[in-house]
């Protein structure tokens, strides 16, 4: 897990294509994954279900490592949407880096962007997004993102 500033727009990146509508992030989080045999399928590549497990790991680490919430006991988000676009196959025992950054913040939701990159080759392997909603578990409905959390998140956005 690493944090570093970056300034580039994926919109015009020839290597990766037109992936992100807005290049808004300045803080990027990295989660490293080493793929395992149990995550593969009969075709010899990593099964598509495993990508969503990797996305979950990356978004939880992003939120905790950036101290958006202090720990899992104070978790106040639910996942409402996620998708993954597969660009290349991933195989067993490969080192994958998932770059995660905050794309936008709404009233009660926020969107994370994830890029799966092969650690050695630098190839884009997959691209995903996740929308999370701040949730009031007692009332069982979404609620506005509290100011303290919003302030932490806004520091992760480039204006």
N, C-alpha and C. Protein backbone atom coordinates (compact mmCIF):
# COMPACT_ATOMS: atom_id res chain seq x y z
N UNK A 1 0.83 -1.17 0.00
CA UNK A 1 0.00 0.00 0.00
C UNK A 1 0.89 1.24 0.00
N UNK A 2 0.67 2.08 -0.98
CA UNK A 2 1.46 3.30 -1.10
C UNK A 2 0.54 4.44 -1.45
N UNK A 3 0.93 5.60 -0.99
CA UNK A 3 0.20 6.80 -1.36
C UNK A 3 1.19 7.70 -2.08
N UNK A 4 0.77 8.31 -3.14
CA UNK A 4 1.62 9.29 -3.78
C UNK A 4 0.77 10.19 -4.64
N UNK A 5 1.32 11.35 -4.90
CA UNK A 5 0.60 12.30 -5.74
C UNK A 5 0.89 11.98 -7.20
N UNK A 6 -0.12 12.13 -8.01
CA UNK A 6 0.09 11.99 -9.44
C UNK A 6 -0.79 13.01 -10.14
N UNK A 7 -0.34 13.42 -11.28
CA UNK A 7 -1.12 14.36 -12.06
C UNK A 7 -1.06 13.94 -13.52
N UNK A 8 -2.08 13.26 -13.93
CA UNK A 8 -2.21 12.92 -15.32
C UNK A 8 -3.68 12.73 -15.62
N UNK A 9 -4.01 12.88 -16.85
CA UNK A 9 -5.40 12.67 -17.24
C UNK A 9 -5.47 11.39 -18.04
N UNK A 10 -6.23 10.45 -17.56
CA UNK A 10 -6.38 9.20 -18.29
C UNK A 10 -7.16 9.43 -19.57
N UNK A 11 -7.92 10.50 -19.62
CA UNK A 11 -8.76 10.79 -20.77
C UNK A 11 -7.98 10.73 -22.07
N UNK A 12 -6.76 11.27 -22.09
CA UNK A 12 -5.98 11.36 -23.32
C UNK A 12 -4.79 10.40 -23.34
N UNK A 13 -4.81 9.40 -22.49
CA UNK A 13 -3.69 8.49 -22.40
C UNK A 13 -3.80 7.44 -23.51
N UNK A 14 -2.84 7.44 -24.44
CA UNK A 14 -2.90 6.54 -25.58
C UNK A 14 -2.76 5.08 -25.17
N UNK A 15 -1.96 4.82 -24.14
CA UNK A 15 -1.73 3.44 -23.72
C UNK A 15 -3.00 2.81 -23.17
N UNK A 16 -3.75 3.56 -22.35
CA UNK A 16 -4.92 3.01 -21.69
C UNK A 16 -6.23 3.34 -22.38
N UNK A 17 -6.22 4.30 -23.26
CA UNK A 17 -7.45 4.66 -23.94
C UNK A 17 -8.30 5.62 -23.10
N UNK A 18 -9.52 5.84 -23.55
CA UNK A 18 -10.42 6.78 -22.89
C UNK A 18 -11.15 6.06 -21.76
N UNK A 19 -10.54 6.06 -20.58
CA UNK A 19 -11.08 5.28 -19.47
C UNK A 19 -11.91 6.13 -18.54
N UNK A 20 -11.40 7.25 -18.13
CA UNK A 20 -12.06 8.05 -17.11
C UNK A 20 -12.54 9.35 -17.71
N UNK A 21 -13.75 9.75 -17.37
CA UNK A 21 -14.30 10.98 -17.91
C UNK A 21 -13.58 12.20 -17.34
N UNK A 22 -13.24 12.15 -16.06
CA UNK A 22 -12.61 13.29 -15.41
C UNK A 22 -11.34 12.81 -14.70
N UNK A 23 -10.23 13.46 -14.94
CA UNK A 23 -9.01 13.16 -14.19
C UNK A 23 -8.98 14.04 -12.96
N UNK A 24 -9.60 13.62 -11.86
CA UNK A 24 -9.80 14.50 -10.72
C UNK A 24 -8.94 14.16 -9.51
N UNK A 25 -8.30 13.03 -9.50
CA UNK A 25 -7.62 12.61 -8.27
C UNK A 25 -6.20 13.13 -8.19
N UNK A 26 -5.74 13.42 -6.98
CA UNK A 26 -4.33 13.71 -6.77
C UNK A 26 -3.69 12.67 -5.86
N UNK A 27 -4.47 11.96 -5.10
CA UNK A 27 -3.93 10.91 -4.25
C UNK A 27 -4.37 9.57 -4.82
N UNK A 28 -3.42 8.73 -5.00
CA UNK A 28 -3.71 7.40 -5.53
C UNK A 28 -3.27 6.39 -4.49
N UNK A 29 -4.03 5.36 -4.33
CA UNK A 29 -3.72 4.29 -3.39
C UNK A 29 -3.42 3.04 -4.18
N UNK A 30 -2.46 2.29 -3.74
CA UNK A 30 -2.12 1.05 -4.42
C UNK A 30 -2.33 -0.14 -3.50
N UNK A 31 -2.97 -1.16 -4.03
CA UNK A 31 -3.14 -2.43 -3.35
C UNK A 31 -2.49 -3.48 -4.23
N UNK A 32 -1.56 -4.22 -3.66
CA UNK A 32 -0.90 -5.25 -4.45
C UNK A 32 -1.54 -6.60 -4.17
N UNK A 33 -1.79 -7.33 -5.24
CA UNK A 33 -2.40 -8.65 -5.18
C UNK A 33 -1.46 -9.63 -5.87
N UNK A 34 -1.26 -10.79 -5.27
CA UNK A 34 -0.60 -11.90 -5.96
C UNK A 34 -1.68 -12.94 -6.19
N UNK A 35 -1.96 -13.23 -7.44
CA UNK A 35 -3.05 -14.14 -7.75
C UNK A 35 -2.69 -15.56 -7.33
N UNK A 36 -3.73 -16.32 -6.96
CA UNK A 36 -3.53 -17.66 -6.43
C UNK A 36 -4.23 -18.70 -7.32
N UNK A 37 -3.77 -19.91 -7.20
CA UNK A 37 -4.34 -21.00 -7.99
C UNK A 37 -5.85 -21.14 -7.76
N UNK A 38 -6.29 -21.01 -6.51
CA UNK A 38 -7.71 -21.19 -6.19
C UNK A 38 -8.60 -20.12 -6.83
N UNK A 39 -8.02 -19.06 -7.35
CA UNK A 39 -8.79 -17.98 -8.00
C UNK A 39 -8.93 -18.20 -9.51
N UNK A 40 -8.32 -19.26 -10.00
CA UNK A 40 -8.37 -19.52 -11.44
C UNK A 40 -9.56 -20.42 -11.78
N UNK A 41 -9.79 -20.57 -13.07
CA UNK A 41 -10.89 -21.42 -13.52
C UNK A 41 -10.37 -22.46 -14.51
N UNK A 42 -11.27 -23.20 -15.11
CA UNK A 42 -10.89 -24.28 -16.02
C UNK A 42 -10.14 -23.79 -17.25
N UNK A 43 -10.26 -22.51 -17.57
CA UNK A 43 -9.56 -21.96 -18.73
C UNK A 43 -8.13 -21.53 -18.40
N UNK A 44 -7.75 -21.61 -17.12
CA UNK A 44 -6.38 -21.30 -16.72
C UNK A 44 -6.13 -19.85 -16.39
N UNK A 45 -7.15 -19.02 -16.46
CA UNK A 45 -6.95 -17.62 -16.07
C UNK A 45 -7.75 -17.33 -14.80
N UNK A 46 -7.53 -16.16 -14.24
CA UNK A 46 -8.22 -15.78 -13.02
C UNK A 46 -9.70 -15.58 -13.35
N UNK A 47 -10.55 -16.21 -12.56
CA UNK A 47 -11.99 -16.15 -12.78
C UNK A 47 -12.52 -14.75 -12.55
N UNK A 48 -13.54 -14.36 -13.31
CA UNK A 48 -14.08 -13.00 -13.22
C UNK A 48 -14.60 -12.67 -11.83
N UNK A 49 -15.07 -13.63 -11.06
CA UNK A 49 -15.55 -13.36 -9.70
C UNK A 49 -14.43 -12.84 -8.82
N UNK A 50 -13.22 -13.33 -9.03
CA UNK A 50 -12.09 -12.90 -8.20
C UNK A 50 -11.79 -11.42 -8.35
N UNK A 51 -12.04 -10.85 -9.51
CA UNK A 51 -11.81 -9.43 -9.72
C UNK A 51 -12.62 -8.60 -8.73
N UNK A 52 -13.85 -9.02 -8.45
CA UNK A 52 -14.69 -8.27 -7.53
C UNK A 52 -14.22 -8.41 -6.09
N UNK A 53 -13.60 -9.53 -5.77
CA UNK A 53 -12.98 -9.69 -4.45
C UNK A 53 -11.79 -8.74 -4.34
N UNK A 54 -11.00 -8.65 -5.41
CA UNK A 54 -9.87 -7.72 -5.42
C UNK A 54 -10.35 -6.27 -5.30
N UNK A 55 -11.45 -5.95 -6.00
CA UNK A 55 -12.01 -4.59 -5.91
C UNK A 55 -12.43 -4.27 -4.48
N UNK A 56 -13.05 -5.24 -3.82
CA UNK A 56 -13.45 -5.02 -2.43
C UNK A 56 -12.24 -4.75 -1.55
N UNK A 57 -11.20 -5.55 -1.70
CA UNK A 57 -10.00 -5.36 -0.90
C UNK A 57 -9.41 -3.97 -1.14
N UNK A 58 -9.35 -3.56 -2.40
CA UNK A 58 -8.77 -2.27 -2.75
C UNK A 58 -9.58 -1.11 -2.17
N UNK A 59 -10.92 -1.18 -2.24
CA UNK A 59 -11.72 -0.06 -1.74
C UNK A 59 -11.70 0.01 -0.22
N UNK A 60 -11.69 -1.14 0.46
CA UNK A 60 -11.61 -1.13 1.92
C UNK A 60 -10.27 -0.56 2.36
N UNK A 61 -9.18 -0.99 1.74
CA UNK A 61 -7.87 -0.45 2.08
C UNK A 61 -7.80 1.05 1.78
N UNK A 62 -8.36 1.47 0.66
CA UNK A 62 -8.36 2.90 0.32
C UNK A 62 -9.04 3.70 1.43
N UNK A 63 -10.20 3.26 1.87
CA UNK A 63 -10.97 4.00 2.88
C UNK A 63 -10.26 3.98 4.24
N UNK A 64 -9.75 2.82 4.63
CA UNK A 64 -9.08 2.74 5.94
C UNK A 64 -7.71 3.42 5.94
N UNK A 65 -6.93 3.20 4.90
CA UNK A 65 -5.59 3.79 4.86
C UNK A 65 -5.62 5.30 4.73
N UNK A 66 -6.65 5.83 4.10
CA UNK A 66 -6.81 7.28 4.01
C UNK A 66 -7.57 7.85 5.21
N UNK A 67 -7.88 6.98 6.17
CA UNK A 67 -8.55 7.36 7.41
C UNK A 67 -9.87 8.09 7.19
N UNK A 68 -10.58 7.69 6.12
CA UNK A 68 -11.92 8.22 5.90
C UNK A 68 -12.82 7.77 7.04
N UNK A 69 -12.66 6.53 7.46
CA UNK A 69 -13.20 6.04 8.74
C UNK A 69 -12.03 5.39 9.47
N UNK A 70 -12.03 5.43 10.80
CA UNK A 70 -10.86 4.95 11.55
C UNK A 70 -10.69 3.44 11.57
N UNK A 71 -11.80 2.68 11.43
CA UNK A 71 -11.71 1.22 11.52
C UNK A 71 -13.00 0.62 10.99
N UNK A 72 -13.03 -0.69 10.92
CA UNK A 72 -14.22 -1.37 10.38
C UNK A 72 -15.42 -1.24 11.30
N UNK A 73 -15.20 -1.07 12.59
CA UNK A 73 -16.31 -0.91 13.52
C UNK A 73 -17.09 0.38 13.25
N UNK A 74 -16.45 1.35 12.65
CA UNK A 74 -17.09 2.63 12.32
C UNK A 74 -17.49 2.73 10.84
N UNK A 75 -17.52 1.60 10.18
CA UNK A 75 -17.85 1.57 8.75
C UNK A 75 -19.29 2.05 8.56
N UNK A 76 -19.49 2.98 7.65
CA UNK A 76 -20.81 3.57 7.47
C UNK A 76 -21.22 3.63 6.00
N UNK A 77 -20.70 2.71 5.20
CA UNK A 77 -20.96 2.73 3.77
C UNK A 77 -21.53 1.40 3.30
N UNK A 78 -22.35 1.47 2.27
CA UNK A 78 -22.79 0.25 1.58
C UNK A 78 -22.49 0.42 0.09
N UNK A 79 -22.18 -0.67 -0.53
CA UNK A 79 -21.91 -0.69 -1.96
C UNK A 79 -23.24 -0.72 -2.70
N UNK A 80 -23.44 0.21 -3.64
CA UNK A 80 -24.69 0.24 -4.39
C UNK A 80 -24.49 -0.09 -5.87
N UNK A 81 -23.25 0.02 -6.34
CA UNK A 81 -23.00 -0.28 -7.74
C UNK A 81 -21.52 -0.60 -7.91
N UNK A 82 -21.25 -1.57 -8.73
CA UNK A 82 -19.86 -1.87 -9.09
C UNK A 82 -19.85 -2.52 -10.46
N UNK A 83 -18.77 -2.28 -11.17
CA UNK A 83 -18.60 -2.97 -12.45
C UNK A 83 -17.12 -3.12 -12.72
N UNK A 84 -16.82 -4.02 -13.63
CA UNK A 84 -15.43 -4.27 -13.99
C UNK A 84 -15.38 -4.56 -15.49
N UNK A 85 -14.50 -3.86 -16.19
CA UNK A 85 -14.27 -4.10 -17.61
C UNK A 85 -12.93 -4.83 -17.74
N UNK A 86 -12.96 -5.97 -18.36
CA UNK A 86 -11.77 -6.81 -18.49
C UNK A 86 -11.03 -6.44 -19.78
N UNK A 87 -9.75 -6.11 -19.65
CA UNK A 87 -8.95 -5.69 -20.80
C UNK A 87 -8.02 -6.80 -21.29
N UNK A 88 -7.41 -7.54 -20.33
CA UNK A 88 -6.51 -8.65 -20.64
C UNK A 88 -6.73 -9.74 -19.60
N UNK A 89 -6.35 -10.96 -19.95
CA UNK A 89 -6.45 -12.04 -18.99
C UNK A 89 -5.37 -11.91 -17.92
N UNK A 90 -5.69 -12.38 -16.73
CA UNK A 90 -4.74 -12.46 -15.63
C UNK A 90 -4.57 -13.93 -15.30
N UNK A 91 -3.33 -14.32 -15.00
CA UNK A 91 -3.03 -15.73 -14.74
C UNK A 91 -2.54 -15.93 -13.31
N UNK A 92 -2.38 -17.19 -12.96
CA UNK A 92 -1.94 -17.59 -11.62
C UNK A 92 -0.54 -17.05 -11.34
N UNK A 93 -0.34 -16.62 -10.09
CA UNK A 93 0.94 -16.15 -9.55
C UNK A 93 1.47 -14.90 -10.25
N UNK A 94 0.57 -14.05 -10.69
CA UNK A 94 0.98 -12.76 -11.24
C UNK A 94 0.80 -11.69 -10.18
N UNK A 95 1.67 -10.70 -10.23
CA UNK A 95 1.58 -9.57 -9.30
C UNK A 95 0.80 -8.45 -9.98
N UNK A 96 -0.31 -8.10 -9.33
CA UNK A 96 -1.21 -7.09 -9.87
C UNK A 96 -1.25 -5.93 -8.88
N UNK A 97 -1.21 -4.72 -9.40
CA UNK A 97 -1.39 -3.53 -8.57
C UNK A 97 -2.74 -2.93 -8.94
N UNK A 98 -3.54 -2.67 -7.92
CA UNK A 98 -4.81 -1.99 -8.16
C UNK A 98 -4.65 -0.56 -7.69
N UNK A 99 -4.65 0.36 -8.64
CA UNK A 99 -4.59 1.79 -8.34
C UNK A 99 -6.02 2.26 -8.09
N UNK A 100 -6.23 2.88 -6.95
CA UNK A 100 -7.57 3.34 -6.58
C UNK A 100 -7.53 4.82 -6.30
N UNK A 101 -8.51 5.53 -6.81
CA UNK A 101 -8.63 6.93 -6.47
C UNK A 101 -10.08 7.37 -6.46
N UNK A 102 -10.30 8.47 -5.80
CA UNK A 102 -11.64 9.01 -5.64
C UNK A 102 -12.00 9.84 -6.86
N UNK A 103 -13.06 9.46 -7.54
CA UNK A 103 -13.47 10.14 -8.76
C UNK A 103 -14.40 11.32 -8.46
N UNK A 104 -15.40 11.10 -7.59
CA UNK A 104 -16.32 12.19 -7.27
C UNK A 104 -17.03 11.92 -5.96
N UNK A 105 -17.53 12.99 -5.37
CA UNK A 105 -18.29 12.92 -4.13
C UNK A 105 -19.63 13.60 -4.37
N UNK A 106 -20.69 12.89 -4.01
CA UNK A 106 -22.04 13.45 -4.10
C UNK A 106 -22.55 13.81 -2.71
N UNK A 107 -23.84 14.01 -2.60
CA UNK A 107 -24.45 14.36 -1.31
C UNK A 107 -24.32 13.21 -0.31
N UNK A 108 -24.66 12.00 -0.75
CA UNK A 108 -24.59 10.85 0.15
C UNK A 108 -23.74 9.72 -0.43
N UNK A 109 -23.20 9.90 -1.62
CA UNK A 109 -22.44 8.83 -2.27
C UNK A 109 -21.09 9.34 -2.77
N UNK A 110 -20.24 8.39 -3.11
CA UNK A 110 -18.97 8.71 -3.75
C UNK A 110 -18.59 7.57 -4.67
N UNK A 111 -17.74 7.89 -5.65
CA UNK A 111 -17.33 6.91 -6.65
C UNK A 111 -15.82 6.72 -6.59
N UNK A 112 -15.42 5.46 -6.52
CA UNK A 112 -14.01 5.09 -6.59
C UNK A 112 -13.72 4.47 -7.95
N UNK A 113 -12.55 4.75 -8.47
CA UNK A 113 -12.07 4.18 -9.73
C UNK A 113 -10.92 3.25 -9.41
N UNK A 114 -10.91 2.10 -10.07
CA UNK A 114 -9.85 1.10 -9.86
C UNK A 114 -9.25 0.71 -11.19
N UNK A 115 -7.93 0.72 -11.26
CA UNK A 115 -7.22 0.25 -12.44
C UNK A 115 -6.35 -0.94 -12.02
N UNK A 116 -6.56 -2.07 -12.67
CA UNK A 116 -5.73 -3.26 -12.44
C UNK A 116 -4.55 -3.15 -13.41
N UNK A 117 -3.34 -3.11 -12.86
CA UNK A 117 -2.15 -2.97 -13.70
C UNK A 117 -1.18 -4.10 -13.36
N UNK A 118 -0.62 -4.73 -14.40
CA UNK A 118 0.38 -5.77 -14.18
C UNK A 118 1.63 -5.11 -13.61
N UNK A 119 2.10 -5.59 -12.48
CA UNK A 119 3.20 -4.92 -11.78
C UNK A 119 4.47 -4.84 -12.63
N UNK A 120 4.85 -5.91 -13.29
CA UNK A 120 6.11 -5.91 -14.05
C UNK A 120 5.96 -5.24 -15.41
N UNK A 121 4.89 -5.53 -16.12
CA UNK A 121 4.74 -5.02 -17.50
C UNK A 121 4.09 -3.65 -17.57
N UNK A 122 3.31 -3.29 -16.57
CA UNK A 122 2.62 -2.00 -16.59
C UNK A 122 1.37 -1.98 -17.44
N UNK A 123 0.95 -3.13 -17.95
CA UNK A 123 -0.24 -3.21 -18.81
C UNK A 123 -1.51 -3.02 -18.00
N UNK A 124 -2.47 -2.33 -18.57
CA UNK A 124 -3.79 -2.23 -17.96
C UNK A 124 -4.51 -3.55 -18.20
N UNK A 125 -4.93 -4.21 -17.11
CA UNK A 125 -5.56 -5.52 -17.19
C UNK A 125 -7.08 -5.44 -17.04
N UNK A 126 -7.53 -4.49 -16.23
CA UNK A 126 -8.97 -4.32 -16.02
C UNK A 126 -9.19 -2.93 -15.44
N UNK A 127 -10.44 -2.50 -15.54
CA UNK A 127 -10.83 -1.20 -15.03
C UNK A 127 -12.17 -1.37 -14.33
N UNK A 128 -12.30 -0.80 -13.15
CA UNK A 128 -13.57 -0.92 -12.44
C UNK A 128 -13.95 0.35 -11.73
N UNK A 129 -15.21 0.45 -11.39
CA UNK A 129 -15.71 1.56 -10.58
C UNK A 129 -16.62 1.00 -9.52
N UNK A 130 -16.71 1.71 -8.42
CA UNK A 130 -17.61 1.33 -7.33
C UNK A 130 -18.26 2.60 -6.79
N UNK A 131 -19.55 2.54 -6.56
CA UNK A 131 -20.28 3.64 -5.94
C UNK A 131 -20.70 3.16 -4.56
N UNK A 132 -20.33 3.94 -3.56
CA UNK A 132 -20.70 3.64 -2.18
C UNK A 132 -21.57 4.76 -1.65
N UNK A 133 -22.48 4.39 -0.77
CA UNK A 133 -23.40 5.35 -0.17
C UNK A 133 -23.19 5.36 1.33
N UNK A 134 -23.18 6.56 1.90
CA UNK A 134 -23.17 6.67 3.36
C UNK A 134 -24.53 6.20 3.84
N UNK A 135 -24.54 5.31 4.84
CA UNK A 135 -25.78 4.62 5.20
C UNK A 135 -26.02 4.70 6.70
N UNK A 136 -27.26 5.02 7.05
CA UNK A 136 -27.70 5.02 8.44
C UNK A 136 -28.30 3.64 8.71
N UNK A 137 -27.57 2.80 9.43
CA UNK A 137 -28.00 1.42 9.64
C UNK A 137 -29.21 1.32 10.57
N UNK A 138 -29.39 2.28 11.45
CA UNK A 138 -30.56 2.27 12.32
C UNK A 138 -31.83 2.58 11.54
N UNK A 139 -31.78 3.59 10.70
CA UNK A 139 -32.94 3.99 9.90
C UNK A 139 -33.07 3.18 8.61
N UNK A 140 -32.01 2.44 8.27
CA UNK A 140 -31.98 1.62 7.06
C UNK A 140 -32.22 2.44 5.80
N UNK A 141 -31.50 3.57 5.72
CA UNK A 141 -31.57 4.39 4.50
C UNK A 141 -30.30 5.21 4.37
N UNK A 142 -30.09 5.71 3.17
CA UNK A 142 -28.91 6.53 2.94
C UNK A 142 -29.03 7.83 3.71
N UNK A 143 -27.86 8.41 3.97
CA UNK A 143 -27.83 9.69 4.67
C UNK A 143 -26.69 10.52 4.10
N UNK A 144 -26.77 11.84 4.26
CA UNK A 144 -25.69 12.68 3.73
C UNK A 144 -24.34 12.32 4.36
N UNK A 145 -23.31 12.44 3.56
CA UNK A 145 -21.96 12.19 4.08
C UNK A 145 -21.67 13.26 5.13
N UNK A 146 -21.30 12.86 6.36
CA UNK A 146 -21.02 13.84 7.41
C UNK A 146 -19.86 14.76 7.02
N UNK A 147 -19.89 15.97 7.53
CA UNK A 147 -18.86 16.97 7.19
C UNK A 147 -17.45 16.48 7.48
N UNK A 148 -17.25 15.79 8.60
CA UNK A 148 -15.90 15.32 8.96
C UNK A 148 -15.37 14.33 7.91
N UNK A 149 -16.23 13.45 7.45
CA UNK A 149 -15.83 12.48 6.42
C UNK A 149 -15.66 13.18 5.08
N UNK A 150 -16.57 14.08 4.74
CA UNK A 150 -16.49 14.82 3.47
C UNK A 150 -15.18 15.61 3.40
N UNK A 151 -14.79 16.25 4.50
CA UNK A 151 -13.55 17.03 4.53
C UNK A 151 -12.35 16.14 4.22
N UNK A 152 -12.32 14.95 4.79
CA UNK A 152 -11.22 14.01 4.51
C UNK A 152 -11.23 13.60 3.04
N UNK A 153 -12.42 13.35 2.52
CA UNK A 153 -12.52 12.94 1.11
C UNK A 153 -12.12 14.05 0.16
N UNK A 154 -12.54 15.26 0.46
CA UNK A 154 -12.24 16.37 -0.45
C UNK A 154 -10.75 16.61 -0.59
N UNK A 155 -9.98 16.25 0.43
CA UNK A 155 -8.52 16.38 0.33
C UNK A 155 -7.94 15.41 -0.68
N UNK A 156 -8.70 14.40 -1.04
CA UNK A 156 -8.25 13.41 -2.01
C UNK A 156 -8.62 13.77 -3.44
N UNK A 157 -9.39 14.82 -3.62
CA UNK A 157 -9.81 15.27 -4.94
C UNK A 157 -8.99 16.44 -5.43
N UNK A 158 -8.81 16.49 -6.72
CA UNK A 158 -8.16 17.65 -7.33
C UNK A 158 -9.25 18.55 -7.89
N UNK A 159 -9.20 19.79 -7.54
CA UNK A 159 -10.21 20.76 -8.00
C UNK A 159 -9.75 21.45 -9.25
